[in-house]
Amino acid sequence: MTKISQALGQEFVWEDCGVHIFDALKTYGKDNSSLAVLGDEIANYVSACEKTIIPFSKNEDNKTQFLSEASACVISLRITTDEAKPFVIDDNKLFMETKPNYWNSYLSEFSTGNLEKILGAGDAIPLITRKNIDKAKQTIAGVMQKISKDFGSDVAFEDNTQEIFDELKSYGRSEDQLYKMGDELVSYFQQIQKELTPFCKDADNLSQLQGEMSASVIGVKVGTSFEKPLALEDGKLFLQTKPNYWSSYLSEFTGANLEKILGLSDPIPLITRKNLAKSKKAIATSMEKINKAYGQELAWADNDQETYDALITYGKSKEDLYTLGDQILSYVKQAEKEMIAFCKDADNLEALQEELSGAQIGVKVVSEHEKPWGHEGGQLWMYTKPNYWNSYLNEFTASKLESIL
């Protein structure tokens, strides 16, 4: 006990438990001959406690928490037939617990880790979890430095660990399941850092993210109502998870899913703008083929905003229009196929050239139309109703084009 007291910086005493131990073991069935060395066996427990307390006390957080809870400065040993924990704080005393059938066995259970697990149970966050979180914060700080480099300015970590702990506890997670909550939290930041590195190499992505993540803060939120893995709130980026998904489905936190939440208040969201931009090259290639057959320069109508607005007004979701560029390209491809065939007939070609003074072709979303093709203002249009969008493309045929000329 002298070494234990020195390690703790405070005098601790061993509370005599010999009679209690003797009676408990006799009741269990031990005979007098087996109990002749009871004192030596109790000494084994004291030695095990000493081997635990000395390294345990080298950590100041451990020592401070232990002294505040074992304030009676008493250590003892007791036998229980209930579910036994290696260490228990009771009446401000530290007890080593064992079952009678485990007597003088499993002494390795009286470890630093198991002592740490019982401390701070009445605190907002228990000691073992707090320490794991504190250690994790150092790792997260290193991850945030990498994110800051990709982002182009300092990005901070939203420290809402108490909120996360409380949400997970409310859901039904035990304190034992949350011992390594800090390590689990690290995995969320490592995942988003891995995704942000390639994401931020795209200038459009980076510019949009910098504008919307104005607070330069990233955090994790736990809640039962989240529908999307990522969200922007008050200029902060949050990785959102339901409590039953905690530390799972990390692969949902991707650059692709981040792209989907950016520019939502813009006339056209980022993901749709990028898809439109990507489709322009393929559209230009198709228009070159159309122009070769037509013999004059035609351009594809730049009415993307008008098309987007018409489809949203009709009831298409923003998710439906993530690939709007690809959808428009389908119309271009159909026009290419049919116009090349149409222009092979000299009479067709001459009639079309007479009608198209505007040198433009495009697709237009309208509420009503009689024919799939139409020309107005010297421009050729492929008309579609919003509920027919990206469907019935085979209606745009050379023969139907001929019928309007």
Protein backbone atom coordinates (compact mmCIF):
# COMPACT_ATOMS: atom_id res chain seq x y z
CA MET A 1 0.00 0.00 0.00
CA THR A 2 3.01 2.28 0.49
CA LYS A 3 3.82 2.12 -3.23
CA ILE A 4 0.16 2.72 -4.16
CA SER A 5 0.03 5.76 -1.86
CA GLN A 6 3.23 7.14 -3.36
CA ALA A 7 1.90 6.70 -6.88
CA LEU A 8 -1.35 8.48 -6.02
CA GLY A 9 0.31 11.20 -3.93
CA GLN A 10 -2.10 10.49 -1.10
CA GLU A 11 -2.18 7.90 1.68
CA PHE A 12 -4.39 4.91 0.94
CA VAL A 13 -5.14 2.04 3.31
CA TRP A 14 -6.22 -1.55 2.76
CA GLU A 15 -9.52 -2.34 4.45
CA ASP A 16 -9.38 -5.72 6.19
CA CYS A 17 -11.65 -8.13 4.33
CA GLY A 18 -10.33 -11.46 5.59
CA VAL A 19 -13.45 -12.54 7.50
CA HIS A 20 -15.76 -11.60 4.60
CA ILE A 21 -13.61 -13.51 2.10
CA PHE A 22 -13.29 -16.56 4.39
CA ASP A 23 -17.06 -16.76 5.00
CA ALA A 24 -17.91 -16.27 1.33
CA LEU A 25 -15.52 -18.99 0.18
CA LYS A 26 -16.69 -21.40 2.91
CA THR A 27 -20.31 -20.81 1.81
CA TYR A 28 -19.29 -21.55 -1.76
CA GLY A 29 -17.80 -24.88 -0.65
CA LYS A 30 -14.12 -24.28 0.04
CA ASP A 31 -12.77 -26.40 2.92
CA ASN A 32 -10.49 -25.27 5.72
CA SER A 33 -7.41 -26.88 4.17
CA SER A 34 -7.83 -24.94 0.93
CA LEU A 35 -8.21 -21.74 2.93
CA ALA A 36 -5.04 -22.23 4.94
CA VAL A 37 -3.18 -19.89 2.56
CA LEU A 38 -5.98 -17.32 2.33
CA GLY A 39 -3.70 -14.52 3.49
CA ASP A 40 -1.20 -15.24 0.72
CA GLU A 41 -4.00 -15.29 -1.84
CA ILE A 42 -5.39 -11.95 -0.64
CA ALA A 43 -1.83 -10.61 -0.96
CA ASN A 44 -1.92 -11.66 -4.63
CA TYR A 45 -4.89 -9.33 -5.15
CA VAL A 46 -3.10 -6.48 -3.39
CA SER A 47 -0.08 -7.06 -5.64
CA ALA A 48 -2.31 -7.05 -8.73
CA CYS A 49 -3.82 -3.75 -7.58
CA GLU A 50 -0.38 -2.24 -7.06
CA LYS A 51 0.71 -3.31 -10.57
CA THR A 52 -2.34 -1.51 -11.93
CA ILE A 53 -2.41 1.66 -9.84
CA ILE A 54 1.26 2.62 -10.38
CA PRO A 55 1.19 2.90 -14.20
CA PHE A 56 -2.43 4.11 -14.09
CA SER A 57 -1.47 7.06 -11.89
CA LYS A 58 1.23 8.29 -14.26
CA ASN A 59 -1.59 9.83 -16.29
CA GLU A 60 -2.77 13.02 -14.55
CA ASP A 61 -6.33 12.72 -15.87
CA ASN A 62 -6.53 9.21 -14.45
CA LYS A 63 -5.12 10.24 -11.10
CA THR A 64 -7.35 13.30 -10.71
CA GLN A 65 -10.51 11.37 -11.60
CA PHE A 66 -9.61 8.45 -9.33
CA LEU A 67 -8.85 10.64 -6.31
CA SER A 68 -12.13 12.51 -6.73
CA GLU A 69 -14.15 9.26 -6.78
CA ALA A 70 -12.16 7.12 -4.31
CA SER A 71 -12.06 9.99 -1.85
CA ALA A 72 -12.23 7.74 1.23
CA CYS A 73 -8.70 6.62 0.28
CA VAL A 74 -9.57 2.99 0.97
CA ILE A 75 -8.99 -0.10 -1.18
CA SER A 76 -10.44 -3.52 -0.45
CA LEU A 77 -11.56 -6.83 -1.93
CA ARG A 78 -14.98 -8.47 -1.92
CA ILE A 79 -16.69 -11.55 -3.30
CA THR A 80 -20.02 -11.35 -5.07
CA THR A 81 -22.31 -13.89 -6.69
CA ASP A 82 -23.75 -11.18 -8.94
CA GLU A 83 -22.14 -10.09 -12.19
CA ALA A 84 -18.72 -8.98 -11.05
CA LYS A 85 -16.67 -6.13 -12.45
CA PRO A 86 -12.94 -6.19 -11.72
CA PHE A 87 -13.18 -2.76 -10.05
CA VAL A 88 -16.08 -0.97 -8.37
CA ILE A 89 -16.28 2.39 -6.61
CA ASP A 90 -18.69 2.07 -3.70
CA ASP A 91 -19.10 4.52 -0.83
CA ASN A 92 -16.05 6.39 -2.14
CA LYS A 93 -13.90 3.26 -1.74
CA LEU A 94 -12.24 1.17 -4.43
CA PHE A 95 -13.23 -2.50 -4.34
CA MET A 96 -11.71 -5.32 -6.33
CA GLU A 97 -14.51 -7.78 -7.08
CA THR A 98 -14.46 -11.46 -7.92
CA LYS A 99 -16.84 -14.41 -7.89
CA PRO A 100 -16.13 -17.30 -5.51
CA ASN A 101 -15.52 -19.73 -8.38
CA TYR A 102 -12.96 -17.29 -9.81
CA TRP A 103 -11.06 -16.99 -6.52
CA ASN A 104 -7.33 -16.40 -6.98
CA SER A 105 -7.76 -16.62 -10.77
CA TYR A 106 -8.14 -14.11 -13.60
CA LEU A 107 -5.95 -11.62 -11.72
CA SER A 108 -5.04 -10.08 -15.08
CA GLU A 109 -8.59 -8.66 -15.17
CA PHE A 110 -7.49 -6.11 -12.59
CA SER A 111 -5.93 -3.96 -15.27
CA THR A 112 -5.42 -0.28 -15.99
CA GLY A 113 -8.01 -0.45 -18.76
CA ASN A 114 -10.69 -1.95 -16.52
CA LEU A 115 -10.02 0.57 -13.77
CA GLU A 116 -10.28 3.38 -16.30
CA LYS A 117 -13.67 2.07 -17.51
CA ILE A 118 -15.42 2.62 -14.16
CA LEU A 119 -14.33 6.23 -13.67
CA GLY A 120 -16.39 9.24 -14.66
CA ALA A 121 -19.56 7.15 -15.04
CA GLY A 122 -21.54 10.01 -13.52
CA ASP A 123 -19.89 12.66 -15.70
CA ALA A 124 -21.27 14.06 -18.96
CA ILE A 125 -18.79 11.80 -20.76
CA PRO A 126 -16.96 9.00 -18.89
CA LEU A 127 -13.21 9.21 -18.42
CA ILE A 128 -12.23 6.46 -20.87
CA THR A 129 -14.34 8.01 -23.63
CA ARG A 130 -13.10 11.54 -22.85
CA LYS A 131 -9.52 10.39 -23.11
CA ASN A 132 -10.20 8.64 -26.40
CA ILE A 133 -11.86 11.79 -27.73
CA ASP A 134 -8.97 13.99 -26.59
CA LYS A 135 -6.53 11.69 -28.35
CA ALA A 136 -8.72 11.70 -31.45
CA LYS A 137 -8.80 15.49 -31.56
CA GLN A 138 -5.05 15.53 -32.10
CA THR A 139 -5.46 13.20 -35.09
CA ILE A 140 -8.38 15.23 -36.41
CA ALA A 141 -6.24 18.39 -36.19
CA GLY A 142 -3.75 16.76 -38.54
CA VAL A 143 -6.55 15.77 -40.93
CA MET A 144 -7.91 19.33 -40.86
CA GLN A 145 -4.50 20.64 -41.92
CA LYS A 146 -4.70 18.49 -45.07
CA ILE A 147 -8.25 19.67 -45.73
CA SER A 148 -7.19 23.30 -45.25
CA LYS A 149 -4.44 22.85 -47.82
CA ASP A 150 -6.93 21.52 -50.38
CA PHE A 151 -9.52 24.17 -49.49
CA GLY A 152 -7.06 27.04 -49.80
CA SER A 153 -7.61 28.45 -46.29
CA ASP A 154 -7.89 27.27 -42.70
CA VAL A 155 -10.77 24.90 -42.00
CA ALA A 156 -11.75 24.18 -38.40
CA PHE A 157 -13.26 21.12 -36.70
CA GLU A 158 -16.74 21.55 -35.21
CA ASP A 159 -16.27 20.20 -31.68
CA ASN A 160 -19.73 18.91 -30.81
CA THR A 161 -18.56 15.67 -29.23
CA GLN A 162 -20.89 16.06 -26.24
CA GLU A 163 -23.86 16.38 -28.59
CA ILE A 164 -22.78 13.28 -30.52
CA PHE A 165 -22.27 11.27 -27.31
CA ASP A 166 -25.70 12.31 -25.98
CA GLU A 167 -27.45 11.42 -29.25
CA LEU A 168 -25.85 7.99 -29.37
CA LYS A 169 -26.67 7.35 -25.71
CA SER A 170 -30.27 8.46 -26.26
CA TYR A 171 -30.56 6.02 -29.13
CA GLY A 172 -29.47 3.19 -26.86
CA ARG A 173 -25.73 2.87 -27.24
CA SER A 174 -24.10 1.73 -24.01
CA GLU A 175 -21.12 3.51 -22.51
CA ASP A 176 -19.09 0.37 -23.27
CA GLN A 177 -19.93 0.78 -26.96
CA LEU A 178 -18.73 4.38 -26.88
CA TYR A 179 -15.32 3.84 -25.30
CA LYS A 180 -13.74 4.47 -28.70
CA MET A 181 -16.07 7.17 -29.93
CA GLY A 182 -13.07 9.38 -30.65
CA ASP A 183 -11.48 6.80 -32.94
CA GLU A 184 -14.80 6.39 -34.71
CA LEU A 185 -15.12 10.16 -35.13
CA VAL A 186 -11.66 10.29 -36.71
CA SER A 187 -12.83 7.91 -39.45
CA TYR A 188 -15.47 10.43 -40.58
CA PHE A 189 -12.89 13.19 -41.03
CA GLN A 190 -10.43 10.88 -42.74
CA GLN A 191 -13.16 9.86 -45.19
CA ILE A 192 -14.15 13.41 -46.11
CA GLN A 193 -10.49 14.46 -46.40
CA LYS A 194 -9.88 11.60 -48.83
CA GLU A 195 -12.81 12.81 -50.95
CA LEU A 196 -12.05 16.54 -50.73
CA THR A 197 -8.54 16.19 -52.18
CA PRO A 198 -9.69 15.25 -55.71
CA PHE A 199 -12.92 17.26 -55.36
CA CYS A 200 -11.07 20.53 -54.74
CA LYS A 201 -8.79 20.03 -57.74
CA ASP A 202 -11.78 20.93 -59.90
CA ALA A 203 -11.90 24.74 -60.02
CA ASP A 204 -15.71 24.87 -60.28
CA ASN A 205 -16.10 22.58 -57.28
CA LEU A 206 -13.62 24.53 -55.19
CA SER A 207 -15.07 27.94 -56.03
CA GLN A 208 -18.61 26.80 -55.20
CA LEU A 209 -17.54 25.10 -51.96
CA GLN A 210 -15.54 28.13 -50.81
CA GLY A 211 -18.56 30.32 -51.40
CA GLU A 212 -21.02 28.11 -49.55
CA MET A 213 -18.76 26.80 -46.76
CA SER A 214 -18.14 30.39 -45.71
CA ALA A 215 -17.60 29.59 -42.02
CA SER A 216 -14.76 27.21 -42.99
CA VAL A 217 -15.93 24.58 -40.51
CA ILE A 218 -16.56 20.84 -40.92
CA GLY A 219 -18.36 18.68 -38.38
CA VAL A 220 -20.34 15.51 -37.80
CA LYS A 221 -23.98 15.39 -36.72
CA VAL A 222 -26.05 12.48 -35.42
CA GLY A 223 -29.83 12.56 -35.79
CA THR A 224 -32.81 10.42 -36.68
CA SER A 225 -34.24 12.67 -39.41
CA PHE A 226 -31.28 13.03 -41.77
CA GLU A 227 -31.96 12.01 -45.36
CA LYS A 228 -28.70 13.04 -47.04
CA PRO A 229 -25.15 12.23 -45.96
CA LEU A 230 -23.90 15.80 -46.36
CA ALA A 231 -25.46 19.17 -45.61
CA LEU A 232 -24.49 22.84 -45.46
CA GLU A 233 -25.77 24.82 -42.50
CA ASP A 234 -24.76 28.38 -41.55
CA GLY A 235 -21.72 28.14 -43.79
CA LYS A 236 -20.58 24.87 -42.19
CA LEU A 237 -20.29 21.46 -43.84
CA PHE A 238 -21.74 18.57 -41.82
CA LEU A 239 -21.41 14.84 -42.30
CA GLN A 240 -24.81 13.55 -41.20
CA THR A 241 -25.57 10.09 -39.89
CA LYS A 242 -28.41 8.33 -38.14
CA PRO A 243 -27.50 6.84 -34.73
CA ASN A 244 -28.07 3.28 -35.94
CA TYR A 245 -25.65 3.95 -38.79
CA TRP A 246 -22.92 5.34 -36.52
CA SER A 247 -19.43 4.44 -37.76
CA SER A 248 -20.96 2.69 -40.78
CA TYR A 249 -21.70 3.64 -44.39
CA LEU A 250 -18.72 6.02 -44.44
CA SER A 251 -18.52 5.47 -48.18
CA GLU A 252 -21.61 7.71 -48.50
CA PHE A 253 -19.47 10.76 -47.73
CA THR A 254 -18.18 11.24 -51.26
CA GLY A 255 -17.26 14.05 -53.58
CA ALA A 256 -20.21 13.06 -55.77
CA ASN A 257 -22.65 13.49 -52.88
CA LEU A 258 -21.01 16.76 -51.92
CA GLU A 259 -21.45 18.01 -55.47
CA LYS A 260 -25.19 17.32 -55.19
CA ILE A 261 -25.73 19.81 -52.33
CA LEU A 262 -23.83 22.73 -53.87
CA GLY A 263 -25.46 25.54 -55.80
CA LEU A 264 -28.98 24.52 -54.79
CA SER A 265 -30.02 28.17 -54.52
CA ASP A 266 -28.41 29.04 -57.87
CA PRO A 267 -30.51 29.23 -61.08
CA ILE A 268 -29.03 25.83 -61.98
CA PRO A 269 -27.28 23.71 -59.31
CA LEU A 270 -23.58 22.89 -59.63
CA ILE A 271 -23.98 19.22 -60.53
CA THR A 272 -26.41 20.05 -63.35
CA ARG A 273 -24.25 22.94 -64.62
CA LYS A 274 -21.26 20.65 -64.78
CA ASN A 275 -23.22 17.99 -66.64
CA LEU A 276 -24.42 20.62 -69.11
CA ALA A 277 -20.87 21.84 -69.62
CA LYS A 278 -19.63 18.28 -70.10
CA SER A 279 -22.25 17.62 -72.78
CA LYS A 280 -21.26 20.69 -74.88
CA LYS A 281 -18.34 18.95 -76.55
CA ALA A 282 -20.51 16.02 -77.69
CA ILE A 283 -23.21 18.45 -78.84
CA ALA A 284 -20.63 20.38 -80.88
CA THR A 285 -19.47 17.14 -82.53
CA SER A 286 -23.04 16.25 -83.50
CA MET A 287 -23.66 19.77 -84.84
CA GLU A 288 -20.58 19.47 -87.06
CA LYS A 289 -22.12 16.38 -88.65
CA ILE A 290 -25.51 18.12 -89.04
CA ASN A 291 -23.84 21.15 -90.63
CA LYS A 292 -21.93 18.97 -93.07
CA ALA A 293 -25.20 17.42 -94.24
CA TYR A 294 -27.06 20.75 -94.18
CA GLY A 295 -24.35 22.63 -96.05
CA GLN A 296 -24.66 25.72 -93.85
CA GLU A 297 -23.75 26.69 -90.30
CA LEU A 298 -26.36 25.77 -87.70
CA ALA A 299 -25.92 26.21 -83.95
CA TRP A 300 -27.61 24.35 -81.11
CA ALA A 301 -29.87 26.74 -79.18
CA ASP A 302 -28.46 27.80 -75.83
CA ASN A 303 -31.71 27.69 -73.85
CA ASP A 304 -30.56 25.46 -70.98
CA GLN A 305 -31.95 27.78 -68.30
CA GLU A 306 -35.33 27.96 -70.02
CA THR A 307 -35.43 24.17 -70.32
CA TYR A 308 -34.40 23.67 -66.67
CA ASP A 309 -36.98 26.16 -65.38
CA ALA A 310 -39.78 24.62 -67.45
CA LEU A 311 -39.04 21.13 -66.14
CA ILE A 312 -38.75 22.29 -62.51
CA THR A 313 -42.04 24.21 -62.85
CA TYR A 314 -43.70 21.07 -64.15
CA GLY A 315 -42.55 19.14 -61.09
CA LYS A 316 -39.27 17.52 -61.99
CA SER A 317 -36.96 17.32 -58.98
CA LYS A 318 -33.44 18.71 -58.95
CA GLU A 319 -32.25 15.11 -58.66
CA ASP A 320 -34.13 14.25 -61.87
CA LEU A 321 -32.13 16.93 -63.69
CA TYR A 322 -28.62 16.09 -62.46
CA THR A 323 -27.94 14.73 -65.96
CA LEU A 324 -29.84 17.40 -67.91
CA GLY A 325 -26.88 17.79 -70.28
CA ASP A 326 -26.96 14.10 -71.14
CA GLN A 327 -30.72 14.32 -71.64
CA ILE A 328 -30.40 17.26 -74.04
CA LEU A 329 -27.66 15.37 -75.86
CA SER A 330 -30.20 12.60 -76.54
CA TYR A 331 -32.28 15.11 -78.50
CA VAL A 332 -29.20 16.33 -80.36
CA LYS A 333 -28.27 12.77 -81.31
CA GLN A 334 -31.79 12.11 -82.58
CA ALA A 335 -31.73 15.34 -84.59
CA GLU A 336 -28.35 14.38 -86.04
CA LYS A 337 -29.57 10.98 -87.20
CA GLU A 338 -32.79 12.25 -88.78
CA MET A 339 -31.44 15.47 -90.32
CA ILE A 340 -28.57 13.70 -92.05
CA ALA A 341 -31.07 11.31 -93.62
CA PHE A 342 -33.46 14.17 -94.40
CA CYS A 343 -30.84 16.36 -96.11
CA LYS A 344 -29.81 13.62 -98.53
CA ASP A 345 -32.92 14.57 -100.54
CA ALA A 346 -32.19 17.78 -102.48
CA ASP A 347 -35.80 19.00 -102.34
CA ASN A 348 -35.91 18.48 -98.58
CA LEU A 349 -32.65 20.33 -98.14
CA GLU A 350 -33.73 23.28 -100.27
CA ALA A 351 -37.07 23.60 -98.45
CA LEU A 352 -35.38 23.46 -95.04
CA GLN A 353 -32.78 26.06 -95.96
CA GLU A 354 -35.55 28.42 -97.09
CA GLU A 355 -37.32 28.09 -93.73
CA LEU A 356 -34.32 28.34 -91.41
CA SER A 357 -33.15 31.92 -91.55
CA GLY A 358 -32.18 31.91 -87.86
CA ALA A 359 -29.42 29.33 -88.29
CA GLN A 360 -30.36 27.59 -85.04
CA ILE A 361 -31.87 24.33 -83.89
CA GLY A 362 -32.88 23.30 -80.40
CA VAL A 363 -35.29 21.54 -78.06
CA LYS A 364 -38.10 23.44 -76.39
CA VAL A 365 -40.36 22.35 -73.52
CA VAL A 366 -43.94 23.51 -74.15
CA SER A 367 -47.28 22.75 -72.55
CA GLU A 368 -49.01 22.11 -75.88
CA HIS A 369 -47.87 21.28 -79.40
CA GLU A 370 -49.39 19.59 -82.42
CA LYS A 371 -46.29 18.21 -84.06
CA PRO A 372 -42.87 17.18 -82.71
CA TRP A 373 -41.01 19.49 -85.12
CA GLY A 374 -41.74 23.17 -85.60
CA HIS A 375 -40.11 26.32 -86.88
CA GLU A 376 -40.59 29.77 -85.45
CA GLY A 377 -38.57 32.89 -86.01
CA GLY A 378 -36.54 31.07 -88.63
CA GLN A 379 -35.36 28.49 -86.08
CA LEU A 380 -36.02 24.76 -85.99
CA TRP A 381 -37.39 23.36 -82.73
CA MET A 382 -37.96 19.91 -81.34
CA TYR A 383 -41.08 20.35 -79.19
CA THR A 384 -41.78 18.20 -76.15
CA LYS A 385 -44.24 18.32 -73.31
CA PRO A 386 -42.62 18.33 -69.85
CA ASN A 387 -44.15 14.96 -68.94
CA TYR A 388 -42.67 13.50 -72.12
CA TRP A 389 -39.19 14.88 -71.41
CA ASN A 390 -36.41 12.60 -72.64
CA SER A 391 -39.01 10.14 -73.94
CA TYR A 392 -40.63 9.45 -77.32
CA LEU A 393 -37.46 10.60 -79.11
CA ASN A 394 -38.41 8.40 -82.04
CA GLU A 395 -41.18 10.92 -82.79
CA PHE A 396 -38.53 13.26 -84.21
CA THR A 397 -38.23 11.63 -87.62
CA ALA A 398 -37.24 12.86 -91.07
CA SER A 399 -40.75 12.23 -92.36
CA LYS A 400 -42.31 14.34 -89.61
CA LEU A 401 -39.80 17.09 -90.29
CA GLU A 402 -40.88 16.99 -93.95
CA SER A 403 -44.53 17.44 -92.94
CA ILE A 404 -43.93 20.93 -91.51
CA LEU A 405 -42.17 22.36 -94.54
